[in-house]
Amino acid sequence: MNLKGEMAKKNITNESIANLLGIHRNSVYNKINGESKFSIDEALAIRNAFFPNYDVDTLFGENRGGEE
C-alpha cells in the first residue's frame, strides 16, 4: 500500500482520514498498517478527498517487489 507514503508527502494525518470516514483514528492506523482492510467506499472517499489525481490501485494496491 502506498497510502502511508503519500499521506506523509501531503502531511495528511490518520486523524484527518478518521474524521473523513467517521471512524476512530486507531482504526485508520490498523488499516494503514495492514491489520485490517479499507472498504471500497472508504478507499474511494480517501482518494476523492485527498488524492483526486491518483488511481485507487496506486494508493491501495499491494506493492510489487516484496515491499509492504
PDB file of N, CA and C in Angstrom:
ATOM      1  N   MET A   1       0.844  -1.176   0.000  1.00  0.00           N
ATOM      2  CA  MET A   1       0.000   0.000   0.000  1.00  0.00           C
ATOM      3  C   MET A   1       0.891   1.242   0.000  1.00  0.00           C
ATOM      4  N   ASN A   2       0.581   2.164  -0.867  1.00  0.00           N
ATOM      5  CA  ASN A   2       1.337   3.405  -0.976  1.00  0.00           C
ATOM      6  C   ASN A   2       0.689   4.551  -0.218  1.00  0.00           C
ATOM      7  N   LEU A   3      -0.452   4.311   0.384  1.00  0.00           N
ATOM      8  CA  LEU A   3      -1.194   5.373   1.050  1.00  0.00           C
ATOM      9  C   LEU A   3      -0.364   6.051   2.132  1.00  0.00           C
ATOM     10  N   LYS A   4       0.310   5.281   2.942  1.00  0.00           N
ATOM     11  CA  LYS A   4       1.076   5.836   4.061  1.00  0.00           C
ATOM     12  C   LYS A   4       2.130   6.826   3.569  1.00  0.00           C
ATOM     13  N   GLY A   5       2.859   6.464   2.537  1.00  0.00           N
ATOM     14  CA  GLY A   5       3.883   7.347   1.987  1.00  0.00           C
ATOM     15  C   GLY A   5       3.296   8.602   1.376  1.00  0.00           C
ATOM     16  N   GLU A   6       2.194   8.448   0.673  1.00  0.00           N
ATOM     17  CA  GLU A   6       1.550   9.610   0.050  1.00  0.00           C
ATOM     18  C   GLU A   6       0.944  10.530   1.104  1.00  0.00           C
ATOM     19  N   MET A   7       0.437   9.958   2.185  1.00  0.00           N
ATOM     20  CA  MET A   7      -0.066  10.780   3.286  1.00  0.00           C
ATOM     21  C   MET A   7       1.065  11.610   3.880  1.00  0.00           C
ATOM     22  N   ALA A   8       2.223  11.000   4.053  1.00  0.00           N
ATOM     23  CA  ALA A   8       3.368  11.716   4.616  1.00  0.00           C
ATOM     24  C   ALA A   8       3.789  12.870   3.710  1.00  0.00           C
ATOM     25  N   LYS A   9       3.797  12.636   2.407  1.00  0.00           N
ATOM     26  CA  LYS A   9       4.185  13.690   1.462  1.00  0.00           C
ATOM     27  C   LYS A   9       3.267  14.899   1.544  1.00  0.00           C
ATOM     28  N   LYS A  10       1.980  14.643   1.817  1.00  0.00           N
ATOM     29  CA  LYS A  10       0.988  15.727   1.844  1.00  0.00           C
ATOM     30  C   LYS A  10       0.619  16.150   3.269  1.00  0.00           C
ATOM     31  N   ASN A  11       1.344  15.624   4.257  1.00  0.00           N
ATOM     32  CA  ASN A  11       1.069  15.946   5.666  1.00  0.00           C
ATOM     33  C   ASN A  11      -0.382  15.664   6.063  1.00  0.00           C
ATOM     34  N   ILE A  12      -0.900  14.548   5.598  1.00  0.00           N
ATOM     35  CA  ILE A  12      -2.255  14.119   5.946  1.00  0.00           C
ATOM     36  C   ILE A  12      -2.143  13.145   7.116  1.00  0.00           C
ATOM     37  N   THR A  13      -2.866  13.418   8.174  1.00  0.00           N
ATOM     38  CA  THR A  13      -2.776  12.603   9.386  1.00  0.00           C
ATOM     39  C   THR A  13      -3.827  11.494   9.407  1.00  0.00           C
ATOM     40  N   ASN A  14      -3.571  10.510  10.258  1.00  0.00           N
ATOM     41  CA  ASN A  14      -4.566   9.457  10.486  1.00  0.00           C
ATOM     42  C   ASN A  14      -5.862  10.079  10.988  1.00  0.00           C
ATOM     43  N   GLU A  15      -5.744  11.112  11.806  1.00  0.00           N
ATOM     44  CA  GLU A  15      -6.937  11.769  12.344  1.00  0.00           C
ATOM     45  C   GLU A  15      -7.762  12.424  11.238  1.00  0.00           C
ATOM     46  N   SER A  16      -7.095  12.996  10.235  1.00  0.00           N
ATOM     47  CA  SER A  16      -7.817  13.589   9.100  1.00  0.00           C
ATOM     48  C   SER A  16      -8.613  12.524   8.355  1.00  0.00           C
ATOM     49  N   ILE A  17      -7.986  11.380   8.149  1.00  0.00           N
ATOM     50  CA  ILE A  17      -8.666  10.267   7.468  1.00  0.00           C
ATOM     51  C   ILE A  17      -9.822   9.765   8.340  1.00  0.00           C
ATOM     52  N   ALA A  18      -9.565   9.635   9.642  1.00  0.00           N
ATOM     53  CA  ALA A  18     -10.603   9.168  10.564  1.00  0.00           C
ATOM     54  C   ALA A  18     -11.808  10.101  10.551  1.00  0.00           C
ATOM     55  N   ASN A  19     -11.554  11.402  10.572  1.00  0.00           N
ATOM     56  CA  ASN A  19     -12.654  12.370  10.541  1.00  0.00           C
ATOM     57  C   ASN A  19     -13.456  12.247   9.256  1.00  0.00           C
ATOM     58  N   LEU A  20     -12.773  12.070   8.145  1.00  0.00           N
ATOM     59  CA  LEU A  20     -13.448  11.901   6.862  1.00  0.00           C
ATOM     60  C   LEU A  20     -14.359  10.676   6.878  1.00  0.00           C
ATOM     61  N   LEU A  21     -13.842   9.577   7.404  1.00  0.00           N
ATOM     62  CA  LEU A  21     -14.568   8.306   7.364  1.00  0.00           C
ATOM     63  C   LEU A  21     -15.532   8.118   8.530  1.00  0.00           C
ATOM     64  N   GLY A  22     -15.405   8.951   9.566  1.00  0.00           N
ATOM     65  CA  GLY A  22     -16.263   8.802  10.736  1.00  0.00           C
ATOM     66  C   GLY A  22     -15.909   7.596  11.582  1.00  0.00           C
ATOM     67  N   ILE A  23     -14.605   7.274  11.629  1.00  0.00           N
ATOM     68  CA  ILE A  23     -14.133   6.149  12.438  1.00  0.00           C
ATOM     69  C   ILE A  23     -13.019   6.640  13.361  1.00  0.00           C
ATOM     70  N   HIS A  24     -12.638   5.816  14.317  1.00  0.00           N
ATOM     71  CA  HIS A  24     -11.584   6.173  15.262  1.00  0.00           C
ATOM     72  C   HIS A  24     -10.227   6.153  14.560  1.00  0.00           C
ATOM     73  N   ARG A  25      -9.340   7.038  14.992  1.00  0.00           N
ATOM     74  CA  ARG A  25      -8.012   7.096  14.356  1.00  0.00           C
ATOM     75  C   ARG A  25      -7.227   5.796  14.542  1.00  0.00           C
ATOM     76  N   ASN A  26      -7.501   5.052  15.617  1.00  0.00           N
ATOM     77  CA  ASN A  26      -6.837   3.755  15.792  1.00  0.00           C
ATOM     78  C   ASN A  26      -7.259   2.776  14.704  1.00  0.00           C
ATOM     79  N   SER A  27      -8.504   2.872  14.266  1.00  0.00           N
ATOM     80  CA  SER A  27      -8.974   2.020  13.169  1.00  0.00           C
ATOM     81  C   SER A  27      -8.238   2.362  11.884  1.00  0.00           C
ATOM     82  N   VAL A  28      -8.023   3.657  11.658  1.00  0.00           N
ATOM     83  CA  VAL A  28      -7.267   4.084  10.472  1.00  0.00           C
ATOM     84  C   VAL A  28      -5.847   3.546  10.558  1.00  0.00           C
ATOM     85  N   TYR A  29      -5.219   3.665  11.716  1.00  0.00           N
ATOM     86  CA  TYR A  29      -3.868   3.148  11.913  1.00  0.00           C
ATOM     87  C   TYR A  29      -3.814   1.659  11.572  1.00  0.00           C
ATOM     88  N   ASN A  30      -4.774   0.898  12.078  1.00  0.00           N
ATOM     89  CA  ASN A  30      -4.808  -0.544  11.812  1.00  0.00           C
ATOM     90  C   ASN A  30      -4.961  -0.833  10.325  1.00  0.00           C
ATOM     91  N   LYS A  31      -5.771  -0.058   9.652  1.00  0.00           N
ATOM     92  CA  LYS A  31      -5.985  -0.273   8.217  1.00  0.00           C
ATOM     93  C   LYS A  31      -4.736   0.093   7.421  1.00  0.00           C
ATOM     94  N   ILE A  32      -4.108   1.195   7.757  1.00  0.00           N
ATOM     95  CA  ILE A  32      -2.902   1.618   7.041  1.00  0.00           C
ATOM     96  C   ILE A  32      -1.776   0.611   7.238  1.00  0.00           C
ATOM     97  N   ASN A  33      -1.723   0.015   8.414  1.00  0.00           N
ATOM     98  CA  ASN A  33      -0.656  -0.930   8.722  1.00  0.00           C
ATOM     99  C   ASN A  33      -1.010  -2.378   8.414  1.00  0.00           C
ATOM    100  N   GLY A  34      -2.115  -2.596   7.702  1.00  0.00           N
ATOM    101  CA  GLY A  34      -2.449  -3.919   7.201  1.00  0.00           C
ATOM    102  C   GLY A  34      -3.106  -4.858   8.184  1.00  0.00           C
ATOM    103  N   GLU A  35      -3.476  -4.363   9.363  1.00  0.00           N
ATOM    104  CA  GLU A  35      -4.138  -5.224  10.337  1.00  0.00           C
ATOM    105  C   GLU A  35      -5.600  -5.455   9.979  1.00  0.00           C
ATOM    106  N   SER A  36      -6.160  -4.544   9.206  1.00  0.00           N
ATOM    107  CA  SER A  36      -7.491  -4.709   8.632  1.00  0.00           C
ATOM    108  C   SER A  36      -7.492  -3.976   7.296  1.00  0.00           C
ATOM    109  N   LYS A  37      -8.578  -4.061   6.565  1.00  0.00           N
ATOM    110  CA  LYS A  37      -8.625  -3.508   5.205  1.00  0.00           C
ATOM    111  C   LYS A  37      -9.606  -2.345   5.121  1.00  0.00           C
ATOM    112  N   PHE A  38      -9.293  -1.403   4.235  1.00  0.00           N
ATOM    113  CA  PHE A  38     -10.246  -0.354   3.900  1.00  0.00           C
ATOM    114  C   PHE A  38     -11.317  -0.955   3.002  1.00  0.00           C
ATOM    115  N   SER A  39     -12.556  -0.537   3.199  1.00  0.00           N
ATOM    116  CA  SER A  39     -13.617  -0.942   2.276  1.00  0.00           C
ATOM    117  C   SER A  39     -13.447  -0.155   0.977  1.00  0.00           C
ATOM    118  N   ILE A  40     -14.119  -0.589  -0.050  1.00  0.00           N
ATOM    119  CA  ILE A  40     -14.065   0.134  -1.332  1.00  0.00           C
ATOM    120  C   ILE A  40     -14.582   1.551  -1.147  1.00  0.00           C
ATOM    121  N   ASP A  41     -15.678   1.700  -0.412  1.00  0.00           N
ATOM    122  CA  ASP A  41     -16.235   3.033  -0.179  1.00  0.00           C
ATOM    123  C   ASP A  41     -15.249   3.925   0.576  1.00  0.00           C
ATOM    124  N   GLU A  42     -14.557   3.362   1.564  1.00  0.00           N
ATOM    125  CA  GLU A  42     -13.558   4.130   2.310  1.00  0.00           C
ATOM    126  C   GLU A  42     -12.401   4.539   1.408  1.00  0.00           C
ATOM    127  N   ALA A  43     -11.923   3.605   0.602  1.00  0.00           N
ATOM    128  CA  ALA A  43     -10.813   3.900  -0.308  1.00  0.00           C
ATOM    129  C   ALA A  43     -11.187   5.008  -1.284  1.00  0.00           C
ATOM    130  N   LEU A  44     -12.385   4.933  -1.829  1.00  0.00           N
ATOM    131  CA  LEU A  44     -12.830   5.965  -2.769  1.00  0.00           C
ATOM    132  C   LEU A  44     -12.980   7.317  -2.079  1.00  0.00           C
ATOM    133  N   ALA A  45     -13.496   7.322  -0.858  1.00  0.00           N
ATOM    134  CA  ALA A  45     -13.652   8.579  -0.119  1.00  0.00           C
ATOM    135  C   ALA A  45     -12.295   9.228   0.146  1.00  0.00           C
ATOM    136  N   ILE A  46     -11.313   8.426   0.537  1.00  0.00           N
ATOM    137  CA  ILE A  46      -9.963   8.942   0.792  1.00  0.00           C
ATOM    138  C   ILE A  46      -9.358   9.484  -0.492  1.00  0.00           C
ATOM    139  N   ARG A  47      -9.452   8.708  -1.548  1.00  0.00           N
ATOM    140  CA  ARG A  47      -8.917   9.148  -2.837  1.00  0.00           C
ATOM    141  C   ARG A  47      -9.579  10.444  -3.286  1.00  0.00           C
ATOM    142  N   ASN A  48     -10.897  10.500  -3.231  1.00  0.00           N
ATOM    143  CA  ASN A  48     -11.619  11.679  -3.708  1.00  0.00           C
ATOM    144  C   ASN A  48     -11.302  12.922  -2.887  1.00  0.00           C
ATOM    145  N   ALA A  49     -11.163  12.764  -1.574  1.00  0.00           N
ATOM    146  CA  ALA A  49     -10.933  13.912  -0.694  1.00  0.00           C
ATOM    147  C   ALA A  49      -9.492  14.404  -0.713  1.00  0.00           C
ATOM    148  N   PHE A  50      -8.538  13.484  -0.749  1.00  0.00           N
ATOM    149  CA  PHE A  50      -7.141  13.862  -0.559  1.00  0.00           C
ATOM    150  C   PHE A  50      -6.239  13.638  -1.771  1.00  0.00           C
ATOM    151  N   PHE A  51      -6.603  12.702  -2.628  1.00  0.00           N
ATOM    152  CA  PHE A  51      -5.736  12.324  -3.747  1.00  0.00           C
ATOM    153  C   PHE A  51      -6.529  12.192  -5.044  1.00  0.00           C
ATOM    154  N   PRO A  52      -7.239  13.240  -5.466  1.00  0.00           N
ATOM    155  CA  PRO A  52      -8.137  13.109  -6.624  1.00  0.00           C
ATOM    156  C   PRO A  52      -7.433  12.753  -7.932  1.00  0.00           C
ATOM    157  N   ASN A  53      -6.152  13.010  -8.029  1.00  0.00           N
ATOM    158  CA  ASN A  53      -5.424  12.713  -9.264  1.00  0.00           C
ATOM    159  C   ASN A  53      -4.735  11.352  -9.241  1.00  0.00           C
ATOM    160  N   TYR A  54      -4.971  10.570  -8.193  1.00  0.00           N
ATOM    161  CA  TYR A  54      -4.335   9.265  -8.049  1.00  0.00           C
ATOM    162  C   TYR A  54      -5.303   8.155  -8.429  1.00  0.00           C
ATOM    163  N   ASP A  55      -4.756   7.073  -8.905  1.00  0.00           N
ATOM    164  CA  ASP A  55      -5.518   5.861  -9.164  1.00  0.00           C
ATOM    165  C   ASP A  55      -5.690   5.117  -7.834  1.00  0.00           C
ATOM    166  N   VAL A  56      -6.869   4.588  -7.587  1.00  0.00           N
ATOM    167  CA  VAL A  56      -7.130   3.868  -6.334  1.00  0.00           C
ATOM    168  C   VAL A  56      -6.154   2.710  -6.166  1.00  0.00           C
ATOM    169  N   ASP A  57      -5.870   2.000  -7.246  1.00  0.00           N
ATOM    170  CA  ASP A  57      -4.947   0.865  -7.161  1.00  0.00           C
ATOM    171  C   ASP A  57      -3.549   1.320  -6.777  1.00  0.00           C
ATOM    172  N   THR A  58      -3.147   2.497  -7.225  1.00  0.00           N
ATOM    173  CA  THR A  58      -1.833   3.031  -6.861  1.00  0.00           C
ATOM    174  C   THR A  58      -1.759   3.284  -5.362  1.00  0.00           C
ATOM    175  N   LEU A  59      -2.812   3.829  -4.789  1.00  0.00           N
ATOM    176  CA  LEU A  59      -2.827   4.134  -3.357  1.00  0.00           C
ATOM    177  C   LEU A  59      -3.018   2.907  -2.481  1.00  0.00           C
ATOM    178  N   PHE A  60      -3.891   2.004  -2.898  1.00  0.00           N
ATOM    179  CA  PHE A  60      -4.312   0.915  -2.020  1.00  0.00           C
ATOM    180  C   PHE A  60      -3.868  -0.469  -2.479  1.00  0.00           C
ATOM    181  N   GLY A  61      -3.315  -0.573  -3.680  1.00  0.00           N
ATOM    182  CA  GLY A  61      -2.857  -1.866  -4.171  1.00  0.00           C
ATOM    183  C   GLY A  61      -1.608  -2.315  -3.445  1.00  0.00           C
ATOM    184  N   GLU A  62      -1.334  -3.584  -3.525  1.00  0.00           N
ATOM    185  CA  GLU A  62      -0.133  -4.118  -2.898  1.00  0.00           C
ATOM    186  C   GLU A  62       1.081  -3.715  -3.707  1.00  0.00           C
ATOM    187  N   ASN A  63       2.152  -3.377  -2.988  1.00  0.00           N
ATOM    188  CA  ASN A  63       3.407  -3.019  -3.652  1.00  0.00           C
ATOM    189  C   ASN A  63       4.030  -4.243  -4.292  1.00  0.00           C
ATOM    190  N   ARG A  64       4.736  -4.009  -5.359  1.00  0.00           N
ATOM    191  CA  ARG A  64       5.438  -5.097  -6.039  1.00  0.00           C
ATOM    192  C   ARG A  64       6.865  -5.196  -5.490  1.00  0.00           C
ATOM    193  N   GLY A  65       7.523  -6.286  -5.741  1.00  0.00           N
ATOM    194  CA  GLY A  65       8.922  -6.430  -5.359  1.00  0.00           C
ATOM    195  C   GLY A  65       9.142  -6.788  -3.901  1.00  0.00           C
ATOM    196  N   GLY A  66       8.133  -7.359  -3.253  1.00  0.00           N
ATOM    197  CA  GLY A  66       8.308  -7.824  -1.888  1.00  0.00           C
ATOM    198  C   GLY A  66       8.180  -6.755  -0.823  1.00  0.00           C
ATOM    199  N   GLU A  67       7.965  -5.504  -1.212  1.00  0.00           N
ATOM    200  CA  GLU A  67       7.794  -4.456  -0.215  1.00  0.00           C
ATOM    201  C   GLU A  67       6.373  -4.466   0.287  1.00  0.00           C
ATOM    202  N   GLU A  68       6.181  -4.010   1.492  1.00  0.00           N
ATOM    203  CA  GLU A  68       4.840  -3.959   2.082  1.00  0.00           C
ATOM    204  C   GLU A  68       4.428  -2.530   2.239  1.00  0.00           C
TER     205      GLU A  68
END
